[in-house]
N, C-alpha and C. Protein backbone atom coordinates (compact mmCIF):
# COMPACT_ATOMS: atom_id res chain seq x y z
N MET A 1 -5.47 136.36 9.70
CA MET A 1 -5.97 136.14 11.05
C MET A 1 -7.40 135.60 11.02
N ILE A 2 -8.20 136.07 10.07
CA ILE A 2 -9.61 135.67 10.02
C ILE A 2 -9.73 134.19 9.67
N VAL A 3 -8.88 133.69 8.80
CA VAL A 3 -9.04 132.31 8.32
C VAL A 3 -8.24 131.29 9.12
N ILE A 4 -7.47 131.72 10.10
CA ILE A 4 -6.67 130.75 10.88
C ILE A 4 -7.53 129.67 11.52
N PRO A 5 -8.69 129.99 12.13
CA PRO A 5 -9.50 128.91 12.72
C PRO A 5 -9.96 127.85 11.71
N VAL A 6 -10.10 128.23 10.45
CA VAL A 6 -10.61 127.29 9.45
C VAL A 6 -9.65 126.13 9.22
N ILE A 7 -8.38 126.31 9.49
CA ILE A 7 -7.42 125.24 9.21
C ILE A 7 -7.53 124.09 10.20
N PHE A 8 -8.21 124.29 11.34
CA PHE A 8 -8.32 123.24 12.36
C PHE A 8 -9.57 122.40 12.15
N ASN A 9 -9.48 121.14 12.55
CA ASN A 9 -10.61 120.22 12.36
C ASN A 9 -11.80 120.56 13.24
N VAL A 10 -11.64 121.44 14.20
CA VAL A 10 -12.76 121.85 15.05
C VAL A 10 -13.81 122.56 14.20
N PHE A 11 -13.37 123.35 13.23
CA PHE A 11 -14.27 124.15 12.41
C PHE A 11 -14.52 123.55 11.04
N LEU A 12 -13.52 122.90 10.47
CA LEU A 12 -13.67 122.29 9.14
C LEU A 12 -13.04 120.90 9.16
N PRO A 13 -13.86 119.86 9.32
CA PRO A 13 -13.31 118.50 9.36
C PRO A 13 -12.64 118.14 8.03
N GLY A 14 -11.66 117.25 8.13
CA GLY A 14 -10.96 116.82 6.93
C GLY A 14 -9.83 115.88 7.26
N ASP A 15 -8.98 115.64 6.26
CA ASP A 15 -7.86 114.72 6.42
C ASP A 15 -6.76 115.39 7.25
N PRO A 16 -6.20 114.66 8.25
CA PRO A 16 -5.16 115.26 9.11
C PRO A 16 -3.90 115.60 8.32
N LEU A 17 -3.37 116.77 8.60
CA LEU A 17 -2.11 117.20 8.00
C LEU A 17 -1.03 117.33 9.08
N ILE A 18 -1.33 118.06 10.16
CA ILE A 18 -0.39 118.22 11.28
C ILE A 18 -1.17 118.01 12.58
N HIS A 19 -0.71 117.07 13.38
CA HIS A 19 -1.37 116.78 14.66
C HIS A 19 -0.94 117.83 15.68
N ILE A 20 -1.93 118.42 16.40
CA ILE A 20 -1.64 119.46 17.39
C ILE A 20 -1.67 118.90 18.81
N MET A 21 -2.81 118.31 19.22
CA MET A 21 -2.93 117.80 20.59
C MET A 21 -4.09 116.82 20.70
N ASP A 22 -4.03 116.00 21.76
CA ASP A 22 -5.13 115.10 22.11
C ASP A 22 -5.87 115.68 23.30
N LEU A 23 -7.19 115.55 23.28
CA LEU A 23 -8.02 116.05 24.37
C LEU A 23 -8.71 114.88 25.06
N SER A 24 -9.18 115.17 26.26
CA SER A 24 -9.94 114.14 26.96
C SER A 24 -11.31 114.01 26.31
N PRO A 25 -11.93 112.82 26.38
CA PRO A 25 -13.26 112.64 25.77
C PRO A 25 -14.28 113.58 26.42
N GLY A 26 -15.16 114.14 25.60
CA GLY A 26 -16.22 115.03 26.08
C GLY A 26 -15.76 116.44 26.38
N ALA A 27 -14.62 116.87 25.84
CA ALA A 27 -14.14 118.23 26.07
C ALA A 27 -15.03 119.23 25.32
N HIS A 28 -15.26 120.37 25.97
CA HIS A 28 -16.12 121.40 25.38
C HIS A 28 -15.40 122.74 25.38
N LEU A 29 -15.73 123.56 24.40
CA LEU A 29 -15.30 124.95 24.35
C LEU A 29 -16.59 125.76 24.32
N GLY A 30 -17.11 126.11 25.50
CA GLY A 30 -18.44 126.73 25.57
C GLY A 30 -19.47 125.72 25.13
N PRO A 31 -20.35 126.09 24.20
CA PRO A 31 -21.36 125.14 23.73
C PRO A 31 -20.85 124.17 22.66
N ILE A 32 -19.62 124.38 22.19
CA ILE A 32 -19.06 123.55 21.12
C ILE A 32 -18.37 122.33 21.71
N GLU A 33 -18.78 121.14 21.23
CA GLU A 33 -18.12 119.92 21.67
C GLU A 33 -16.87 119.70 20.81
N LEU A 34 -15.73 119.54 21.47
CA LEU A 34 -14.47 119.39 20.76
C LEU A 34 -14.19 117.93 20.43
N PRO A 35 -13.51 117.67 19.31
CA PRO A 35 -13.15 116.29 18.97
C PRO A 35 -12.05 115.77 19.90
N ALA A 36 -11.81 114.46 19.83
CA ALA A 36 -10.82 113.83 20.72
C ALA A 36 -9.41 114.34 20.45
N SER A 37 -9.10 114.68 19.21
CA SER A 37 -7.78 115.24 18.90
C SER A 37 -7.94 116.43 17.96
N ILE A 38 -7.06 117.38 18.12
CA ILE A 38 -7.10 118.58 17.28
C ILE A 38 -5.91 118.54 16.33
N TYR A 39 -6.20 118.79 15.07
CA TYR A 39 -5.15 118.79 14.05
C TYR A 39 -5.51 119.76 12.94
N ILE A 40 -4.49 120.09 12.15
CA ILE A 40 -4.68 120.93 10.97
C ILE A 40 -5.05 120.02 9.82
N THR A 41 -6.09 120.40 9.07
CA THR A 41 -6.56 119.56 7.98
C THR A 41 -6.10 120.07 6.62
N LYS A 42 -6.00 119.16 5.68
CA LYS A 42 -5.65 119.54 4.30
C LYS A 42 -6.73 120.42 3.70
N GLN A 43 -7.99 120.06 3.93
CA GLN A 43 -9.10 120.84 3.39
C GLN A 43 -9.13 122.24 4.00
N GLY A 44 -8.81 122.35 5.30
CA GLY A 44 -8.78 123.66 5.95
C GLY A 44 -7.69 124.55 5.41
N VAL A 45 -6.51 123.96 5.20
CA VAL A 45 -5.40 124.74 4.63
C VAL A 45 -5.75 125.19 3.22
N GLY A 46 -6.39 124.31 2.45
CA GLY A 46 -6.80 124.69 1.09
C GLY A 46 -7.82 125.81 1.09
N ALA A 47 -8.81 125.71 2.00
CA ALA A 47 -9.84 126.76 2.09
C ALA A 47 -9.23 128.09 2.54
N ALA A 48 -8.32 128.04 3.52
CA ALA A 48 -7.67 129.26 4.00
C ALA A 48 -6.81 129.88 2.90
N ALA A 49 -6.07 129.05 2.18
CA ALA A 49 -5.22 129.57 1.10
C ALA A 49 -6.07 130.19 -0.01
N THR A 50 -7.17 129.54 -0.36
CA THR A 50 -8.05 130.07 -1.41
C THR A 50 -8.63 131.42 -0.99
N PHE A 51 -9.12 131.49 0.24
CA PHE A 51 -9.69 132.75 0.73
C PHE A 51 -8.64 133.86 0.73
N THR A 52 -7.44 133.56 1.24
CA THR A 52 -6.37 134.55 1.32
C THR A 52 -5.98 135.03 -0.08
N LEU A 53 -5.86 134.11 -1.02
CA LEU A 53 -5.49 134.50 -2.39
C LEU A 53 -6.58 135.34 -3.05
N ARG A 54 -7.85 135.01 -2.79
CA ARG A 54 -8.94 135.81 -3.37
C ARG A 54 -8.93 137.23 -2.82
N VAL A 55 -8.76 137.35 -1.51
CA VAL A 55 -8.71 138.69 -0.90
C VAL A 55 -7.50 139.47 -1.42
N ALA A 56 -6.35 138.81 -1.51
CA ALA A 56 -5.14 139.47 -2.00
C ALA A 56 -5.32 139.93 -3.45
N THR A 57 -5.96 139.09 -4.26
CA THR A 57 -6.20 139.46 -5.66
C THR A 57 -7.14 140.66 -5.76
N ALA A 58 -8.22 140.65 -4.97
CA ALA A 58 -9.17 141.77 -5.02
C ALA A 58 -8.51 143.07 -4.56
N VAL A 59 -7.77 143.01 -3.46
CA VAL A 59 -7.09 144.21 -2.96
C VAL A 59 -6.04 144.70 -3.95
N SER A 60 -5.29 143.77 -4.54
CA SER A 60 -4.27 144.15 -5.52
C SER A 60 -4.90 144.81 -6.74
N ALA A 61 -6.04 144.30 -7.19
CA ALA A 61 -6.72 144.90 -8.34
C ALA A 61 -7.17 146.32 -8.03
N VAL A 62 -7.72 146.53 -6.84
CA VAL A 62 -8.18 147.88 -6.47
C VAL A 62 -7.00 148.83 -6.33
N VAL A 63 -5.92 148.38 -5.70
CA VAL A 63 -4.73 149.23 -5.56
C VAL A 63 -4.14 149.55 -6.92
N LEU A 64 -4.06 148.55 -7.80
CA LEU A 64 -3.55 148.78 -9.16
C LEU A 64 -4.41 149.79 -9.91
N LEU A 65 -5.72 149.67 -9.76
CA LEU A 65 -6.62 150.61 -10.41
C LEU A 65 -6.38 152.03 -9.92
N PHE A 66 -6.24 152.21 -8.59
CA PHE A 66 -6.02 153.55 -8.05
C PHE A 66 -4.65 154.10 -8.41
N LEU A 67 -3.64 153.22 -8.55
CA LEU A 67 -2.31 153.70 -8.87
C LEU A 67 -2.13 154.04 -10.36
N THR A 68 -2.91 153.40 -11.23
CA THR A 68 -2.72 153.59 -12.67
C THR A 68 -3.74 154.52 -13.31
N THR A 69 -4.80 154.88 -12.58
CA THR A 69 -5.84 155.72 -13.15
C THR A 69 -5.91 157.02 -12.36
N PRO A 70 -5.86 158.16 -13.04
CA PRO A 70 -6.01 159.43 -12.32
C PRO A 70 -7.35 159.47 -11.58
N GLN A 71 -7.34 160.11 -10.42
CA GLN A 71 -8.52 160.13 -9.56
C GLN A 71 -9.75 160.70 -10.29
N GLN A 72 -9.57 161.80 -11.03
CA GLN A 72 -10.70 162.43 -11.70
C GLN A 72 -11.31 161.50 -12.74
N LEU A 73 -10.46 160.80 -13.50
CA LEU A 73 -10.97 159.87 -14.51
C LEU A 73 -11.69 158.69 -13.87
N LEU A 74 -11.17 158.24 -12.75
CA LEU A 74 -11.80 157.11 -12.06
C LEU A 74 -13.20 157.47 -11.59
N PHE A 75 -13.36 158.64 -10.98
CA PHE A 75 -14.67 159.05 -10.50
C PHE A 75 -15.62 159.40 -11.64
N LYS A 76 -15.09 159.97 -12.71
CA LYS A 76 -15.93 160.24 -13.88
C LYS A 76 -16.41 158.92 -14.50
N SER A 77 -15.54 157.92 -14.53
CA SER A 77 -15.92 156.61 -15.07
C SER A 77 -17.01 155.97 -14.22
N LEU A 78 -16.90 156.09 -12.90
CA LEU A 78 -17.94 155.55 -12.03
C LEU A 78 -19.27 156.25 -12.28
N ARG A 79 -19.22 157.55 -12.52
CA ARG A 79 -20.46 158.29 -12.80
C ARG A 79 -21.08 157.83 -14.11
N SER A 80 -20.25 157.52 -15.12
CA SER A 80 -20.79 157.06 -16.39
C SER A 80 -21.37 155.65 -16.28
N LEU A 81 -20.99 154.91 -15.21
CA LEU A 81 -21.57 153.59 -14.96
C LEU A 81 -22.82 153.68 -14.08
N LYS A 82 -23.35 154.90 -13.92
CA LYS A 82 -24.58 155.17 -13.18
C LYS A 82 -24.47 154.94 -11.67
N VAL A 83 -23.25 155.06 -11.13
CA VAL A 83 -23.11 155.03 -9.68
C VAL A 83 -23.68 156.35 -9.17
N PRO A 84 -24.51 156.32 -8.11
CA PRO A 84 -25.13 157.58 -7.64
C PRO A 84 -24.10 158.65 -7.29
N LYS A 85 -24.50 159.90 -7.53
CA LYS A 85 -23.61 161.05 -7.31
C LYS A 85 -23.11 161.11 -5.88
N VAL A 86 -23.98 160.80 -4.93
CA VAL A 86 -23.61 160.96 -3.52
C VAL A 86 -22.45 160.02 -3.15
N TYR A 87 -22.41 158.81 -3.73
CA TYR A 87 -21.31 157.89 -3.44
C TYR A 87 -20.00 158.39 -4.03
N ILE A 88 -20.09 158.87 -5.26
CA ILE A 88 -18.88 159.35 -5.93
C ILE A 88 -18.34 160.60 -5.23
N LEU A 89 -19.23 161.51 -4.86
CA LEU A 89 -18.81 162.71 -4.17
C LEU A 89 -18.18 162.37 -2.81
N THR A 90 -18.78 161.43 -2.10
CA THR A 90 -18.24 161.02 -0.81
C THR A 90 -16.85 160.41 -0.97
N MET A 91 -16.69 159.53 -1.96
CA MET A 91 -15.37 158.92 -2.20
C MET A 91 -14.35 159.97 -2.60
N ALA A 92 -14.74 160.89 -3.47
CA ALA A 92 -13.80 161.92 -3.93
C ALA A 92 -13.35 162.81 -2.78
N MET A 93 -14.30 163.22 -1.94
CA MET A 93 -13.94 164.08 -0.80
C MET A 93 -13.09 163.32 0.21
N ALA A 94 -13.46 162.07 0.49
CA ALA A 94 -12.68 161.27 1.44
C ALA A 94 -11.26 161.07 0.93
N TYR A 95 -11.14 160.76 -0.36
CA TYR A 95 -9.82 160.53 -0.94
C TYR A 95 -8.98 161.80 -0.90
N ARG A 96 -9.63 162.93 -1.15
CA ARG A 96 -8.89 164.19 -1.22
C ARG A 96 -8.46 164.67 0.16
N TYR A 97 -9.31 164.52 1.16
CA TYR A 97 -9.04 165.14 2.45
C TYR A 97 -8.49 164.19 3.51
N ILE A 98 -8.49 162.89 3.26
CA ILE A 98 -7.94 161.96 4.25
C ILE A 98 -6.45 162.23 4.47
N PHE A 99 -5.75 162.55 3.40
CA PHE A 99 -4.32 162.83 3.52
C PHE A 99 -4.06 164.14 4.27
N LEU A 100 -4.92 165.12 4.04
CA LEU A 100 -4.80 166.40 4.74
C LEU A 100 -5.00 166.20 6.24
N PHE A 101 -6.02 165.45 6.63
CA PHE A 101 -6.29 165.21 8.04
C PHE A 101 -5.21 164.34 8.68
N MET A 102 -4.67 163.39 7.94
CA MET A 102 -3.57 162.58 8.48
C MET A 102 -2.36 163.47 8.77
N GLU A 103 -2.10 164.40 7.88
CA GLU A 103 -0.97 165.32 8.08
C GLU A 103 -1.22 166.21 9.30
N MET A 104 -2.45 166.66 9.48
CA MET A 104 -2.78 167.50 10.64
C MET A 104 -2.62 166.71 11.94
N ILE A 105 -3.07 165.46 11.96
CA ILE A 105 -2.93 164.62 13.15
C ILE A 105 -1.45 164.37 13.45
N ARG A 106 -0.68 164.13 12.42
CA ARG A 106 0.76 163.91 12.61
C ARG A 106 1.42 165.17 13.18
N ASP A 107 1.02 166.33 12.67
CA ASP A 107 1.57 167.59 13.19
C ASP A 107 1.20 167.80 14.65
N LEU A 108 -0.03 167.47 15.03
CA LEU A 108 -0.44 167.58 16.44
C LEU A 108 0.41 166.68 17.32
N HIS A 109 0.65 165.46 16.86
CA HIS A 109 1.44 164.50 17.64
C HIS A 109 2.89 164.98 17.79
N ILE A 110 3.47 165.46 16.70
CA ILE A 110 4.85 165.94 16.74
C ILE A 110 4.95 167.17 17.65
N ALA A 111 3.95 168.06 17.58
CA ALA A 111 3.95 169.24 18.44
C ALA A 111 3.89 168.84 19.91
N LYS A 112 3.09 167.87 20.24
CA LYS A 112 2.99 167.41 21.63
C LYS A 112 4.30 166.77 22.08
N LYS A 113 4.87 165.92 21.22
CA LYS A 113 6.13 165.26 21.58
C LYS A 113 7.26 166.26 21.79
N SER A 114 7.29 167.30 20.96
CA SER A 114 8.38 168.27 21.06
C SER A 114 8.24 169.17 22.28
N ARG A 115 7.03 169.28 22.85
CA ARG A 115 6.82 170.13 24.02
C ARG A 115 6.72 169.33 25.32
N THR A 116 6.86 168.01 25.25
CA THR A 116 6.73 167.17 26.43
C THR A 116 8.11 166.92 27.03
N ILE A 117 8.25 167.22 28.33
CA ILE A 117 9.52 166.98 29.01
C ILE A 117 9.49 165.62 29.71
N LYS A 118 8.43 165.39 30.48
CA LYS A 118 8.30 164.08 31.13
C LYS A 118 6.98 163.45 30.72
N SER A 119 6.96 162.14 30.71
CA SER A 119 5.77 161.45 30.24
C SER A 119 4.62 161.65 31.23
N MET A 120 3.40 161.74 30.69
CA MET A 120 2.21 161.93 31.51
C MET A 120 1.65 160.57 31.91
N SER A 121 0.73 160.61 32.85
CA SER A 121 0.06 159.36 33.26
C SER A 121 -0.86 158.90 32.14
N LEU A 122 -1.26 157.64 32.21
CA LEU A 122 -2.13 157.08 31.18
C LEU A 122 -3.44 157.86 31.10
N ARG A 123 -3.97 158.25 32.23
CA ARG A 123 -5.24 159.01 32.25
C ARG A 123 -5.07 160.35 31.55
N ASP A 124 -3.96 161.04 31.82
CA ASP A 124 -3.72 162.33 31.16
C ASP A 124 -3.50 162.16 29.66
N GLU A 125 -2.80 161.09 29.27
CA GLU A 125 -2.61 160.80 27.84
C GLU A 125 -3.95 160.56 27.15
N GLN A 126 -4.82 159.79 27.83
CA GLN A 126 -6.14 159.52 27.25
C GLN A 126 -6.96 160.80 27.13
N LYS A 127 -6.86 161.68 28.14
CA LYS A 127 -7.56 162.97 28.07
C LYS A 127 -7.06 163.78 26.88
N TRP A 128 -5.74 163.79 26.68
CA TRP A 128 -5.17 164.55 25.56
C TRP A 128 -5.66 164.00 24.23
N VAL A 129 -5.64 162.67 24.09
CA VAL A 129 -6.10 162.05 22.84
C VAL A 129 -7.58 162.36 22.62
N GLY A 130 -8.40 162.26 23.68
CA GLY A 130 -9.82 162.60 23.55
C GLY A 130 -10.03 164.04 23.12
N GLY A 131 -9.25 164.94 23.70
CA GLY A 131 -9.34 166.35 23.31
C GLY A 131 -8.96 166.58 21.86
N ARG A 132 -7.91 165.88 21.40
CA ARG A 132 -7.48 166.02 20.00
C ARG A 132 -8.52 165.43 19.05
N ILE A 133 -9.18 164.35 19.46
CA ILE A 133 -10.24 163.78 18.62
C ILE A 133 -11.38 164.78 18.46
N GLY A 134 -11.77 165.41 19.58
CA GLY A 134 -12.81 166.44 19.51
C GLY A 134 -12.38 167.63 18.66
N TYR A 135 -11.13 168.04 18.82
CA TYR A 135 -10.61 169.15 18.02
C TYR A 135 -10.65 168.82 16.53
N MET A 136 -10.24 167.59 16.17
CA MET A 136 -10.25 167.21 14.76
C MET A 136 -11.67 167.11 14.22
N LEU A 137 -12.62 166.68 15.04
CA LEU A 137 -14.01 166.64 14.60
C LEU A 137 -14.52 168.05 14.30
N ILE A 138 -14.28 168.98 15.22
CA ILE A 138 -14.71 170.36 15.00
C ILE A 138 -14.01 170.95 13.78
N LYS A 139 -12.71 170.68 13.65
CA LYS A 139 -11.94 171.20 12.52
C LYS A 139 -12.46 170.64 11.19
N SER A 140 -12.77 169.33 11.17
CA SER A 140 -13.26 168.72 9.92
C SER A 140 -14.64 169.24 9.55
N LEU A 141 -15.52 169.43 10.54
CA LEU A 141 -16.84 169.99 10.25
C LEU A 141 -16.72 171.42 9.72
N ASP A 142 -15.86 172.23 10.34
CA ASP A 142 -15.65 173.60 9.89
C ASP A 142 -15.08 173.62 8.47
N MET A 143 -14.09 172.75 8.24
CA MET A 143 -13.49 172.71 6.91
C MET A 143 -14.48 172.23 5.86
N SER A 144 -15.31 171.24 6.19
CA SER A 144 -16.27 170.74 5.21
C SER A 144 -17.27 171.82 4.83
N GLU A 145 -17.69 172.64 5.80
CA GLU A 145 -18.61 173.73 5.49
C GLU A 145 -17.96 174.76 4.59
N LYS A 146 -16.71 175.12 4.89
CA LYS A 146 -16.00 176.10 4.06
C LYS A 146 -15.75 175.58 2.66
N VAL A 147 -15.36 174.31 2.56
CA VAL A 147 -15.10 173.72 1.24
C VAL A 147 -16.39 173.66 0.43
N HIS A 148 -17.50 173.29 1.07
CA HIS A 148 -18.77 173.21 0.34
C HIS A 148 -19.19 174.59 -0.15
N MET A 149 -19.06 175.61 0.68
CA MET A 149 -19.42 176.97 0.24
C MET A 149 -18.52 177.41 -0.91
N ALA A 150 -17.23 177.08 -0.84
CA ALA A 150 -16.31 177.45 -1.92
C ALA A 150 -16.67 176.73 -3.21
N MET A 151 -17.06 175.46 -3.10
CA MET A 151 -17.44 174.70 -4.30
C MET A 151 -18.71 175.26 -4.92
N VAL A 152 -19.72 175.57 -4.09
CA VAL A 152 -20.98 176.12 -4.60
C VAL A 152 -20.74 177.48 -5.25
N SER A 153 -19.88 178.30 -4.65
CA SER A 153 -19.61 179.62 -5.22
C SER A 153 -18.89 179.52 -6.56
N ARG A 154 -18.25 178.39 -6.83
CA ARG A 154 -17.57 178.20 -8.11
C ARG A 154 -18.40 177.39 -9.10
N GLY A 155 -19.69 177.19 -8.79
CA GLY A 155 -20.58 176.55 -9.75
C GLY A 155 -20.74 175.05 -9.59
N PHE A 156 -20.45 174.51 -8.44
CA PHE A 156 -20.58 173.07 -8.22
C PHE A 156 -22.06 172.68 -8.26
N SER A 157 -22.36 171.64 -9.04
CA SER A 157 -23.75 171.19 -9.18
C SER A 157 -23.97 169.79 -8.61
N GLY A 158 -22.97 169.20 -8.00
CA GLY A 158 -23.11 167.85 -7.45
C GLY A 158 -22.59 166.77 -8.36
N ASP A 159 -22.12 167.13 -9.54
CA ASP A 159 -21.60 166.15 -10.48
C ASP A 159 -20.09 166.31 -10.61
N VAL A 160 -19.41 165.20 -10.91
CA VAL A 160 -17.95 165.23 -11.07
C VAL A 160 -17.64 165.80 -12.45
N GLN A 161 -16.91 166.91 -12.50
CA GLN A 161 -16.56 167.55 -13.77
C GLN A 161 -15.06 167.48 -13.97
N ILE A 162 -14.65 167.05 -15.16
CA ILE A 162 -13.24 167.07 -15.50
C ILE A 162 -13.09 167.63 -16.90
N MET A 163 -11.90 168.11 -17.22
CA MET A 163 -11.65 168.71 -18.53
C MET A 163 -11.67 167.66 -19.63
N HIS A 164 -11.16 166.47 -19.33
CA HIS A 164 -11.03 165.42 -20.32
C HIS A 164 -12.37 164.74 -20.55
N ASP A 165 -12.84 164.76 -21.79
CA ASP A 165 -14.08 164.06 -22.13
C ASP A 165 -13.69 162.85 -22.98
N TYR A 166 -14.16 161.70 -22.63
CA TYR A 166 -13.74 160.49 -23.32
C TYR A 166 -14.95 159.69 -23.78
N HIS A 167 -14.72 158.86 -24.78
CA HIS A 167 -15.76 158.01 -25.34
C HIS A 167 -15.23 156.59 -25.43
N ILE A 168 -16.14 155.63 -25.48
CA ILE A 168 -15.73 154.23 -25.62
C ILE A 168 -15.25 154.01 -27.04
N ARG A 169 -14.07 153.39 -27.17
CA ARG A 169 -13.48 153.13 -28.48
C ARG A 169 -13.43 151.63 -28.72
N GLY A 170 -12.97 151.25 -29.87
CA GLY A 170 -12.87 149.83 -30.22
C GLY A 170 -11.98 149.05 -29.29
N ARG A 171 -10.87 149.63 -28.88
CA ARG A 171 -9.95 148.93 -27.98
C ARG A 171 -10.57 148.68 -26.62
N ASP A 172 -11.52 149.57 -26.21
CA ASP A 172 -12.21 149.35 -24.94
C ASP A 172 -13.11 148.12 -25.01
N TYR A 173 -13.80 147.97 -26.14
CA TYR A 173 -14.64 146.77 -26.34
C TYR A 173 -13.78 145.51 -26.35
N ILE A 174 -12.60 145.59 -26.98
CA ILE A 174 -11.69 144.44 -27.03
C ILE A 174 -11.20 144.09 -25.62
N ALA A 175 -10.86 145.10 -24.82
CA ALA A 175 -10.38 144.86 -23.46
C ALA A 175 -11.48 144.22 -22.60
N VAL A 176 -12.69 144.74 -22.69
CA VAL A 176 -13.81 144.19 -21.90
C VAL A 176 -14.11 142.76 -22.36
N GLY A 177 -14.13 142.54 -23.66
CA GLY A 177 -14.39 141.19 -24.18
C GLY A 177 -13.32 140.20 -23.74
N SER A 178 -12.05 140.63 -23.78
CA SER A 178 -10.96 139.75 -23.35
C SER A 178 -11.07 139.42 -21.86
N ALA A 179 -11.41 140.41 -21.06
CA ALA A 179 -11.56 140.17 -19.62
C ALA A 179 -12.71 139.21 -19.33
N LEU A 180 -13.81 139.37 -20.05
CA LEU A 180 -14.96 138.47 -19.85
C LEU A 180 -14.62 137.04 -20.28
N ILE A 181 -13.94 136.90 -21.41
CA ILE A 181 -13.55 135.56 -21.88
C ILE A 181 -12.60 134.90 -20.91
N LEU A 182 -11.61 135.66 -20.42
CA LEU A 182 -10.66 135.12 -19.44
C LEU A 182 -11.37 134.71 -18.15
N SER A 183 -12.30 135.55 -17.69
CA SER A 183 -13.05 135.23 -16.47
C SER A 183 -13.89 133.97 -16.65
N LEU A 184 -14.55 133.86 -17.79
CA LEU A 184 -15.36 132.67 -18.06
C LEU A 184 -14.48 131.42 -18.13
N ALA A 185 -13.32 131.53 -18.76
CA ALA A 185 -12.40 130.38 -18.84
C ALA A 185 -11.93 129.96 -17.45
N LEU A 186 -11.60 130.93 -16.61
CA LEU A 186 -11.15 130.61 -15.25
C LEU A 186 -12.26 129.95 -14.44
N VAL A 187 -13.50 130.42 -14.60
CA VAL A 187 -14.62 129.80 -13.89
C VAL A 187 -14.83 128.37 -14.37
N LEU A 188 -14.76 128.16 -15.68
CA LEU A 188 -14.94 126.80 -16.22
C LEU A 188 -13.84 125.86 -15.75
N VAL A 189 -12.62 126.36 -15.65
CA VAL A 189 -11.52 125.53 -15.14
C VAL A 189 -11.72 125.23 -13.66
N SER A 190 -12.18 126.24 -12.89
CA SER A 190 -12.33 126.04 -11.45
C SER A 190 -13.45 125.06 -11.10
N ILE A 191 -14.47 124.94 -11.94
CA ILE A 191 -15.54 123.96 -11.66
C ILE A 191 -15.36 122.67 -12.45
N ASN A 192 -14.17 122.48 -12.99
CA ASN A 192 -13.76 121.25 -13.69
C ASN A 192 -14.58 120.92 -14.92
N VAL A 193 -15.12 121.94 -15.59
CA VAL A 193 -15.79 121.72 -16.87
C VAL A 193 -14.75 121.59 -17.97
N VAL A 194 -13.67 122.38 -17.86
CA VAL A 194 -12.57 122.35 -18.81
C VAL A 194 -11.33 121.88 -18.08
N GLN A 195 -10.62 120.93 -18.63
CA GLN A 195 -9.38 120.41 -18.03
C GLN A 195 -8.19 121.04 -18.73
N LEU A 196 -7.20 121.44 -17.96
CA LEU A 196 -5.97 122.00 -18.55
C LEU A 196 -4.94 120.90 -18.72
């Protein structure tokens, strides 16, 4: 949705690919002066496709990382890369409790649906949703305080602790080196320094 405007010649001029419509001379869209005809450009489609593929690749890499690496090891690895404790702790808590809160919200919704005989007015529905949002805020603040006290009473010092202690091995250096070489090769190909 974000890149759809880029495909049109209004935002990114280029060679016509698909003609959309002709406009009268001097047409404006607010302060923007529109061209005489609007069409989809080859350059716009290429830019939109490149952007979409880059975003899809980045999201896929992050999802793959979360699916293949245990949560504790992932956060411990981030700590060894000198990511501040507060970021890692925030991510760990959000990851751990987002599913719990989603389940609680789902239970609230199912409870309301099972006790509703006739549908309420839009205003009453909005009041109910607002009340549940407030309830969840109070519940999450109360739970965060209890969880923090429980963690401190068990010796929590603000650092991510796991049983597994790991060290960098030779295969890790090989994996990092291979990734860097592949990345460099892809960059050189993309800027036409190396031809395939």
